[in-house]
Structures are given as structure tokens and as C-alpha cells.
Amino acid sequence: MADPGSIQDIPIGGDGIRLGQFLKFAGLLDSGGMVKEAIADGDVLVNGEVDRRRGRQLQPGDIVTFMERSVRVTR
């Protein structure tokens, strides 16, 4: 996992966002197909653990990591 000092905060408009949507919104992946594949392959971590649920509801404070880049959900 990336160094905590390198975590980028990504503000969302509401209280929560789905993992698949957030990966695109944060610029970690470009398309829904790429998101689906990355999640299915176990390449996406949420709070340091593999999560294979595209529809997982993220909350402010959650940290998503893909390819050594970490971003935090914020309001």
C-alpha cells in the first residue's frame, strides 16, 4: 500500500458513492469495463483489503488503492 502521506483526498457530492463509480470519478480507471476487470481480478483494495464488490457503498474516510495509488473518499 502507498505511503499514507501520498493519499489524495477526493471529495464526493454526497454521503456515499459506489466503488465502481468512485474508481472512475477519482481517475484511477477510465471505463466501466476496466473497473469491472480490475475489481474481479482483485486489484482494488478498500481500506487495505481486496474488495470484489463493484456496488460496495463507500463512505467518507474510506481509502481505495489501485496500482499503488491511494485515494480517500471525502465530503
PDB file of N, CA and C in Angstrom:
ATOM      1  N   MET A   1       0.845  -1.183   0.000  1.00  0.00           N
ATOM      2  CA  MET A   1       0.000   0.000   0.000  1.00  0.00           C
ATOM      3  C   MET A   1       0.889   1.244   0.000  1.00  0.00           C
ATOM      4  N   ALA A   2       0.378   2.281  -0.591  1.00  0.00           N
ATOM      5  CA  ALA A   2       1.148   3.516  -0.711  1.00  0.00           C
ATOM      6  C   ALA A   2       1.377   4.141   0.665  1.00  0.00           C
ATOM      7  N   ASP A   3       2.405   4.955   0.763  1.00  0.00           N
ATOM      8  CA  ASP A   3       2.700   5.691   1.980  1.00  0.00           C
ATOM      9  C   ASP A   3       1.516   6.586   2.325  1.00  0.00           C
ATOM     10  N   PRO A   4       1.070   6.598   3.605  1.00  0.00           N
ATOM     11  CA  PRO A   4      -0.093   7.407   3.977  1.00  0.00           C
ATOM     12  C   PRO A   4       0.029   8.877   3.584  1.00  0.00           C
ATOM     13  N   GLY A   5       1.243   9.406   3.519  1.00  0.00           N
ATOM     14  CA  GLY A   5       1.428  10.791   3.128  1.00  0.00           C
ATOM     15  C   GLY A   5       1.090  11.046   1.672  1.00  0.00           C
ATOM     16  N   SER A   6       1.009   9.986   0.863  1.00  0.00           N
ATOM     17  CA  SER A   6       0.743  10.152  -0.562  1.00  0.00           C
ATOM     18  C   SER A   6      -0.723   9.914  -0.927  1.00  0.00           C
ATOM     19  N   ILE A   7      -1.586   9.808   0.058  1.00  0.00           N
ATOM     20  CA  ILE A   7      -3.008   9.576  -0.197  1.00  0.00           C
ATOM     21  C   ILE A   7      -3.657  10.888  -0.629  1.00  0.00           C
ATOM     22  N   GLN A   8      -4.332  10.844  -1.768  1.00  0.00           N
ATOM     23  CA  GLN A   8      -5.009  12.027  -2.301  1.00  0.00           C
ATOM     24  C   GLN A   8      -6.467  12.014  -1.858  1.00  0.00           C
ATOM     25  N   ASP A   9      -6.963  13.121  -1.351  1.00  0.00           N
ATOM     26  CA  ASP A   9      -8.371  13.245  -0.969  1.00  0.00           C
ATOM     27  C   ASP A   9      -9.206  13.567  -2.203  1.00  0.00           C
ATOM     28  N   ILE A  10     -10.308  12.837  -2.376  1.00  0.00           N
ATOM     29  CA  ILE A  10     -11.236  13.059  -3.491  1.00  0.00           C
ATOM     30  C   ILE A  10     -12.616  13.356  -2.899  1.00  0.00           C
ATOM     31  N   PRO A  11     -13.051  14.615  -2.968  1.00  0.00           N
ATOM     32  CA  PRO A  11     -14.369  14.949  -2.426  1.00  0.00           C
ATOM     33  C   PRO A  11     -15.503  14.457  -3.330  1.00  0.00           C
ATOM     34  N   ILE A  12     -16.526  13.902  -2.692  1.00  0.00           N
ATOM     35  CA  ILE A  12     -17.724  13.461  -3.417  1.00  0.00           C
ATOM     36  C   ILE A  12     -18.869  14.385  -3.033  1.00  0.00           C
ATOM     37  N   GLY A  13     -19.908  14.388  -3.827  1.00  0.00           N
ATOM     38  CA  GLY A  13     -21.007  15.309  -3.614  1.00  0.00           C
ATOM     39  C   GLY A  13     -21.921  14.968  -2.461  1.00  0.00           C
ATOM     40  N   GLY A  14     -22.020  13.694  -2.087  1.00  0.00           N
ATOM     41  CA  GLY A  14     -22.963  13.292  -1.046  1.00  0.00           C
ATOM     42  C   GLY A  14     -22.277  12.531   0.066  1.00  0.00           C
ATOM     43  N   ASP A  15     -23.060  11.690   0.729  1.00  0.00           N
ATOM     44  CA  ASP A  15     -22.534  10.927   1.861  1.00  0.00           C
ATOM     45  C   ASP A  15     -21.842   9.637   1.436  1.00  0.00           C
ATOM     46  N   GLY A  16     -22.138   9.143   0.234  1.00  0.00           N
ATOM     47  CA  GLY A  16     -21.548   7.880  -0.190  1.00  0.00           C
ATOM     48  C   GLY A  16     -21.503   7.777  -1.700  1.00  0.00           C
ATOM     49  N   ILE A  17     -20.715   6.810  -2.178  1.00  0.00           N
ATOM     50  CA  ILE A  17     -20.580   6.557  -3.609  1.00  0.00           C
ATOM     51  C   ILE A  17     -20.208   5.093  -3.770  1.00  0.00           C
ATOM     52  N   ARG A  18     -20.636   4.481  -4.859  1.00  0.00           N
ATOM     53  CA  ARG A  18     -20.301   3.075  -5.092  1.00  0.00           C
ATOM     54  C   ARG A  18     -18.855   2.957  -5.581  1.00  0.00           C
ATOM     55  N   LEU A  19     -18.231   1.843  -5.228  1.00  0.00           N
ATOM     56  CA  LEU A  19     -16.828   1.617  -5.556  1.00  0.00           C
ATOM     57  C   LEU A  19     -16.552   1.774  -7.045  1.00  0.00           C
ATOM     58  N   GLY A  20     -17.359   1.151  -7.896  1.00  0.00           N
ATOM     59  CA  GLY A  20     -17.140   1.250  -9.338  1.00  0.00           C
ATOM     60  C   GLY A  20     -17.201   2.681  -9.841  1.00  0.00           C
ATOM     61  N   GLN A  21     -18.154   3.436  -9.346  1.00  0.00           N
ATOM     62  CA  GLN A  21     -18.289   4.842  -9.736  1.00  0.00           C
ATOM     63  C   GLN A  21     -17.096   5.652  -9.251  1.00  0.00           C
ATOM     64  N   PHE A  22     -16.667   5.375  -8.023  1.00  0.00           N
ATOM     65  CA  PHE A  22     -15.574   6.145  -7.433  1.00  0.00           C
ATOM     66  C   PHE A  22     -14.266   5.921  -8.180  1.00  0.00           C
ATOM     67  N   LEU A  23     -14.012   4.699  -8.622  1.00  0.00           N
ATOM     68  CA  LEU A  23     -12.773   4.424  -9.357  1.00  0.00           C
ATOM     69  C   LEU A  23     -12.681   5.286 -10.614  1.00  0.00           C
ATOM     70  N   LYS A  24     -13.800   5.469 -11.301  1.00  0.00           N
ATOM     71  CA  LYS A  24     -13.805   6.332 -12.486  1.00  0.00           C
ATOM     72  C   LYS A  24     -13.758   7.804 -12.078  1.00  0.00           C
ATOM     73  N   PHE A  25     -14.561   8.196 -11.101  1.00  0.00           N
ATOM     74  CA  PHE A  25     -14.629   9.586 -10.646  1.00  0.00           C
ATOM     75  C   PHE A  25     -13.264  10.092 -10.183  1.00  0.00           C
ATOM     76  N   ALA A  26     -12.519   9.233  -9.490  1.00  0.00           N
ATOM     77  CA  ALA A  26     -11.208   9.614  -8.952  1.00  0.00           C
ATOM     78  C   ALA A  26     -10.111   9.549 -10.009  1.00  0.00           C
ATOM     79  N   GLY A  27     -10.441   9.043 -11.193  1.00  0.00           N
ATOM     80  CA  GLY A  27      -9.457   8.969 -12.266  1.00  0.00           C
ATOM     81  C   GLY A  27      -8.504   7.787 -12.166  1.00  0.00           C
ATOM     82  N   LEU A  28      -8.850   6.801 -11.345  1.00  0.00           N
ATOM     83  CA  LEU A  28      -7.995   5.625 -11.228  1.00  0.00           C
ATOM     84  C   LEU A  28      -8.157   4.704 -12.437  1.00  0.00           C
ATOM     85  N   LEU A  29      -9.351   4.672 -12.995  1.00  0.00           N
ATOM     86  CA  LEU A  29      -9.636   3.873 -14.195  1.00  0.00           C
ATOM     87  C   LEU A  29     -10.532   4.689 -15.116  1.00  0.00           C
ATOM     88  N   ASP A  30     -10.459   4.381 -16.421  1.00  0.00           N
ATOM     89  CA  ASP A  30     -11.145   5.208 -17.415  1.00  0.00           C
ATOM     90  C   ASP A  30     -12.530   4.719 -17.830  1.00  0.00           C
ATOM     91  N   SER A  31     -12.795   3.416 -17.709  1.00  0.00           N
ATOM     92  CA  SER A  31     -14.068   2.909 -18.228  1.00  0.00           C
ATOM     93  C   SER A  31     -14.679   1.879 -17.292  1.00  0.00           C
ATOM     94  N   GLY A  32     -15.965   1.662 -17.483  1.00  0.00           N
ATOM     95  CA  GLY A  32     -16.668   0.664 -16.693  1.00  0.00           C
ATOM     96  C   GLY A  32     -16.105  -0.732 -16.894  1.00  0.00           C
ATOM     97  N   GLY A  33     -15.691  -1.032 -18.116  1.00  0.00           N
ATOM     98  CA  GLY A  33     -15.101  -2.342 -18.401  1.00  0.00           C
ATOM     99  C   GLY A  33     -13.796  -2.548 -17.653  1.00  0.00           C
ATOM    100  N   MET A  34     -12.980  -1.505 -17.611  1.00  0.00           N
ATOM    101  CA  MET A  34     -11.716  -1.577 -16.873  1.00  0.00           C
ATOM    102  C   MET A  34     -11.971  -1.741 -15.378  1.00  0.00           C
ATOM    103  N   VAL A  35     -12.979  -1.036 -14.875  1.00  0.00           N
ATOM    104  CA  VAL A  35     -13.344  -1.134 -13.458  1.00  0.00           C
ATOM    105  C   VAL A  35     -13.773  -2.560 -13.132  1.00  0.00           C
ATOM    106  N   LYS A  36     -14.658  -3.105 -13.951  1.00  0.00           N
ATOM    107  CA  LYS A  36     -15.170  -4.456 -13.720  1.00  0.00           C
ATOM    108  C   LYS A  36     -14.030  -5.474 -13.681  1.00  0.00           C
ATOM    109  N   GLU A  37     -13.115  -5.372 -14.634  1.00  0.00           N
ATOM    110  CA  GLU A  37     -11.991  -6.306 -14.713  1.00  0.00           C
ATOM    111  C   GLU A  37     -11.052  -6.158 -13.513  1.00  0.00           C
ATOM    112  N   ALA A  38     -10.707  -4.932 -13.156  1.00  0.00           N
ATOM    113  CA  ALA A  38      -9.785  -4.698 -12.043  1.00  0.00           C
ATOM    114  C   ALA A  38     -10.359  -5.223 -10.724  1.00  0.00           C
ATOM    115  N   ILE A  39     -11.651  -4.992 -10.514  1.00  0.00           N
ATOM    116  CA  ILE A  39     -12.289  -5.462  -9.286  1.00  0.00           C
ATOM    117  C   ILE A  39     -12.363  -6.989  -9.282  1.00  0.00           C
ATOM    118  N   ALA A  40     -12.773  -7.585 -10.395  1.00  0.00           N
ATOM    119  CA  ALA A  40     -12.871  -9.043 -10.487  1.00  0.00           C
ATOM    120  C   ALA A  40     -11.520  -9.716 -10.282  1.00  0.00           C
ATOM    121  N   ASP A  41     -10.451  -9.077 -10.760  1.00  0.00           N
ATOM    122  CA  ASP A  41      -9.104  -9.635 -10.626  1.00  0.00           C
ATOM    123  C   ASP A  41      -8.516  -9.445  -9.233  1.00  0.00           C
ATOM    124  N   GLY A  42      -9.213  -8.715  -8.362  1.00  0.00           N
ATOM    125  CA  GLY A  42      -8.716  -8.484  -7.008  1.00  0.00           C
ATOM    126  C   GLY A  42      -7.632  -7.427  -6.933  1.00  0.00           C
ATOM    127  N   ASP A  43      -7.598  -6.521  -7.917  1.00  0.00           N
ATOM    128  CA  ASP A  43      -6.565  -5.489  -7.971  1.00  0.00           C
ATOM    129  C   ASP A  43      -6.930  -4.209  -7.223  1.00  0.00           C
ATOM    130  N   VAL A  44      -8.136  -4.172  -6.653  1.00  0.00           N
ATOM    131  CA  VAL A  44      -8.607  -2.970  -5.953  1.00  0.00           C
ATOM    132  C   VAL A  44      -8.711  -3.280  -4.458  1.00  0.00           C
ATOM    133  N   LEU A  45      -8.113  -2.400  -3.662  1.00  0.00           N
ATOM    134  CA  LEU A  45      -8.186  -2.539  -2.207  1.00  0.00           C
ATOM    135  C   LEU A  45      -9.055  -1.426  -1.639  1.00  0.00           C
ATOM    136  N   VAL A  46      -9.857  -1.773  -0.646  1.00  0.00           N
ATOM    137  CA  VAL A  46     -10.619  -0.782   0.106  1.00  0.00           C
ATOM    138  C   VAL A  46     -10.179  -0.926   1.564  1.00  0.00           C
ATOM    139  N   ASN A  47      -9.623   0.129   2.084  1.00  0.00           N
ATOM    140  CA  ASN A  47      -9.103   0.126   3.460  1.00  0.00           C
ATOM    141  C   ASN A  47      -8.116  -1.015   3.679  1.00  0.00           C
ATOM    142  N   GLY A  48      -7.280  -1.262   2.656  1.00  0.00           N
ATOM    143  CA  GLY A  48      -6.213  -2.250   2.776  1.00  0.00           C
ATOM    144  C   GLY A  48      -6.594  -3.684   2.486  1.00  0.00           C
ATOM    145  N   GLU A  49      -7.856  -3.935   2.121  1.00  0.00           N
ATOM    146  CA  GLU A  49      -8.313  -5.297   1.849  1.00  0.00           C
ATOM    147  C   GLU A  49      -8.939  -5.380   0.464  1.00  0.00           C
ATOM    148  N   VAL A  50      -8.707  -6.513  -0.218  1.00  0.00           N
ATOM    149  CA  VAL A  50      -9.312  -6.737  -1.537  1.00  0.00           C
ATOM    150  C   VAL A  50     -10.827  -6.712  -1.389  1.00  0.00           C
ATOM    151  N   ASP A  51     -11.492  -6.001  -2.276  1.00  0.00           N
ATOM    152  CA  ASP A  51     -12.959  -5.989  -2.300  1.00  0.00           C
ATOM    153  C   ASP A  51     -13.404  -6.190  -3.735  1.00  0.00           C
ATOM    154  N   ARG A  52     -14.185  -7.231  -3.978  1.00  0.00           N
ATOM    155  CA  ARG A  52     -14.625  -7.574  -5.333  1.00  0.00           C
ATOM    156  C   ARG A  52     -16.072  -7.154  -5.597  1.00  0.00           C
ATOM    157  N   ARG A  53     -16.585  -6.216  -4.826  1.00  0.00           N
ATOM    158  CA  ARG A  53     -17.974  -5.757  -4.999  1.00  0.00           C
ATOM    159  C   ARG A  53     -17.984  -4.376  -5.636  1.00  0.00           C
ATOM    160  N   ARG A  54     -18.313  -4.329  -6.922  1.00  0.00           N
ATOM    161  CA  ARG A  54     -18.382  -3.042  -7.634  1.00  0.00           C
ATOM    162  C   ARG A  54     -19.380  -2.103  -6.984  1.00  0.00           C
ATOM    163  N   GLY A  55     -20.444  -2.673  -6.433  1.00  0.00           N
ATOM    164  CA  GLY A  55     -21.510  -1.877  -5.832  1.00  0.00           C
ATOM    165  C   GLY A  55     -21.295  -1.538  -4.372  1.00  0.00           C
ATOM    166  N   ARG A  56     -20.135  -1.887  -3.831  1.00  0.00           N
ATOM    167  CA  ARG A  56     -19.874  -1.563  -2.423  1.00  0.00           C
ATOM    168  C   ARG A  56     -20.038  -0.067  -2.197  1.00  0.00           C
ATOM    169  N   GLN A  57     -20.766   0.282  -1.165  1.00  0.00           N
ATOM    170  CA  GLN A  57     -21.006   1.684  -0.843  1.00  0.00           C
ATOM    171  C   GLN A  57     -19.834   2.210  -0.022  1.00  0.00           C
ATOM    172  N   LEU A  58     -19.121   3.180  -0.570  1.00  0.00           N
ATOM    173  CA  LEU A  58     -18.006   3.809   0.136  1.00  0.00           C
ATOM    174  C   LEU A  58     -18.512   4.989   0.936  1.00  0.00           C
ATOM    175  N   GLN A  59     -17.857   5.253   2.046  1.00  0.00           N
ATOM    176  CA  GLN A  59     -18.210   6.364   2.918  1.00  0.00           C
ATOM    177  C   GLN A  59     -16.994   7.282   3.069  1.00  0.00           C
ATOM    178  N   PRO A  60     -17.211   8.537   3.423  1.00  0.00           N
ATOM    179  CA  PRO A  60     -16.075   9.421   3.679  1.00  0.00           C
ATOM    180  C   PRO A  60     -15.109   8.774   4.679  1.00  0.00           C
ATOM    181  N   GLY A  61     -13.831   8.842   4.343  1.00  0.00           N
ATOM    182  CA  GLY A  61     -12.798   8.232   5.173  1.00  0.00           C
ATOM    183  C   GLY A  61     -12.261   6.931   4.601  1.00  0.00           C
ATOM    184  N   ASP A  62     -13.046   6.269   3.734  1.00  0.00           N
ATOM    185  CA  ASP A  62     -12.575   5.038   3.103  1.00  0.00           C
ATOM    186  C   ASP A  62     -11.411   5.348   2.164  1.00  0.00           C
ATOM    187  N   ILE A  63     -10.430   4.451   2.128  1.00  0.00           N
ATOM    188  CA  ILE A  63      -9.266   4.611   1.254  1.00  0.00           C
ATOM    189  C   ILE A  63      -9.282   3.506   0.214  1.00  0.00           C
ATOM    190  N   VAL A  64      -9.225   3.912  -1.052  1.00  0.00           N
ATOM    191  CA  VAL A  64      -9.244   2.983  -2.186  1.00  0.00           C
ATOM    192  C   VAL A  64      -7.862   3.011  -2.829  1.00  0.00           C
ATOM    193  N   THR A  65      -7.308   1.813  -3.071  1.00  0.00           N
ATOM    194  CA  THR A  65      -5.986   1.702  -3.666  1.00  0.00           C
ATOM    195  C   THR A  65      -6.054   0.857  -4.926  1.00  0.00           C
ATOM    196  N   PHE A  66      -5.425   1.362  -5.987  1.00  0.00           N
ATOM    197  CA  PHE A  66      -5.290   0.628  -7.250  1.00  0.00           C
ATOM    198  C   PHE A  66      -3.933   0.978  -7.833  1.00  0.00           C
ATOM    199  N   MET A  67      -3.158  -0.033  -8.182  1.00  0.00           N
ATOM    200  CA  MET A  67      -1.838   0.159  -8.802  1.00  0.00           C
ATOM    201  C   MET A  67      -0.966   1.124  -7.999  1.00  0.00           C
ATOM    202  N   GLU A  68      -0.870   0.909  -6.709  1.00  0.00           N
ATOM    203  CA  GLU A  68      -0.024   1.695  -5.811  1.00  0.00           C
ATOM    204  C   GLU A  68      -0.434   3.157  -5.673  1.00  0.00           C
ATOM    205  N   ARG A  69      -1.606   3.506  -6.167  1.00  0.00           N
ATOM    206  CA  ARG A  69      -2.139   4.863  -5.971  1.00  0.00           C
ATOM    207  C   ARG A  69      -3.322   4.772  -5.015  1.00  0.00           C
ATOM    208  N   SER A  70      -3.279   5.565  -3.968  1.00  0.00           N
ATOM    209  CA  SER A  70      -4.339   5.540  -2.966  1.00  0.00           C
ATOM    210  C   SER A  70      -5.072   6.876  -2.929  1.00  0.00           C
ATOM    211  N   VAL A  71      -6.396   6.779  -2.827  1.00  0.00           N
ATOM    212  CA  VAL A  71      -7.230   7.970  -2.730  1.00  0.00           C
ATOM    213  C   VAL A  71      -8.235   7.764  -1.597  1.00  0.00           C
ATOM    214  N   ARG A  72      -8.566   8.868  -0.923  1.00  0.00           N
ATOM    215  CA  ARG A  72      -9.509   8.806   0.193  1.00  0.00           C
ATOM    216  C   ARG A  72     -10.795   9.515  -0.175  1.00  0.00           C
ATOM    217  N   VAL A  73     -11.907   8.883   0.158  1.00  0.00           N
ATOM    218  CA  VAL A  73     -13.224   9.476  -0.057  1.00  0.00           C
ATOM    219  C   VAL A  73     -13.417  10.564   1.006  1.00  0.00           C
ATOM    220  N   THR A  74     -13.737  11.783   0.551  1.00  0.00           N
ATOM    221  CA  THR A  74     -14.046  12.863   1.483  1.00  0.00           C
ATOM    222  C   THR A  74     -15.332  13.568   1.030  1.00  0.00           C
ATOM    223  N   ARG A  75     -15.912  14.345   1.934  1.00  0.00           N
ATOM    224  CA  ARG A  75     -17.132  15.102   1.591  1.00  0.00           C
ATOM    225  C   ARG A  75     -16.778  16.334   0.819  1.00  0.00           C
TER     226      ARG A  75
END
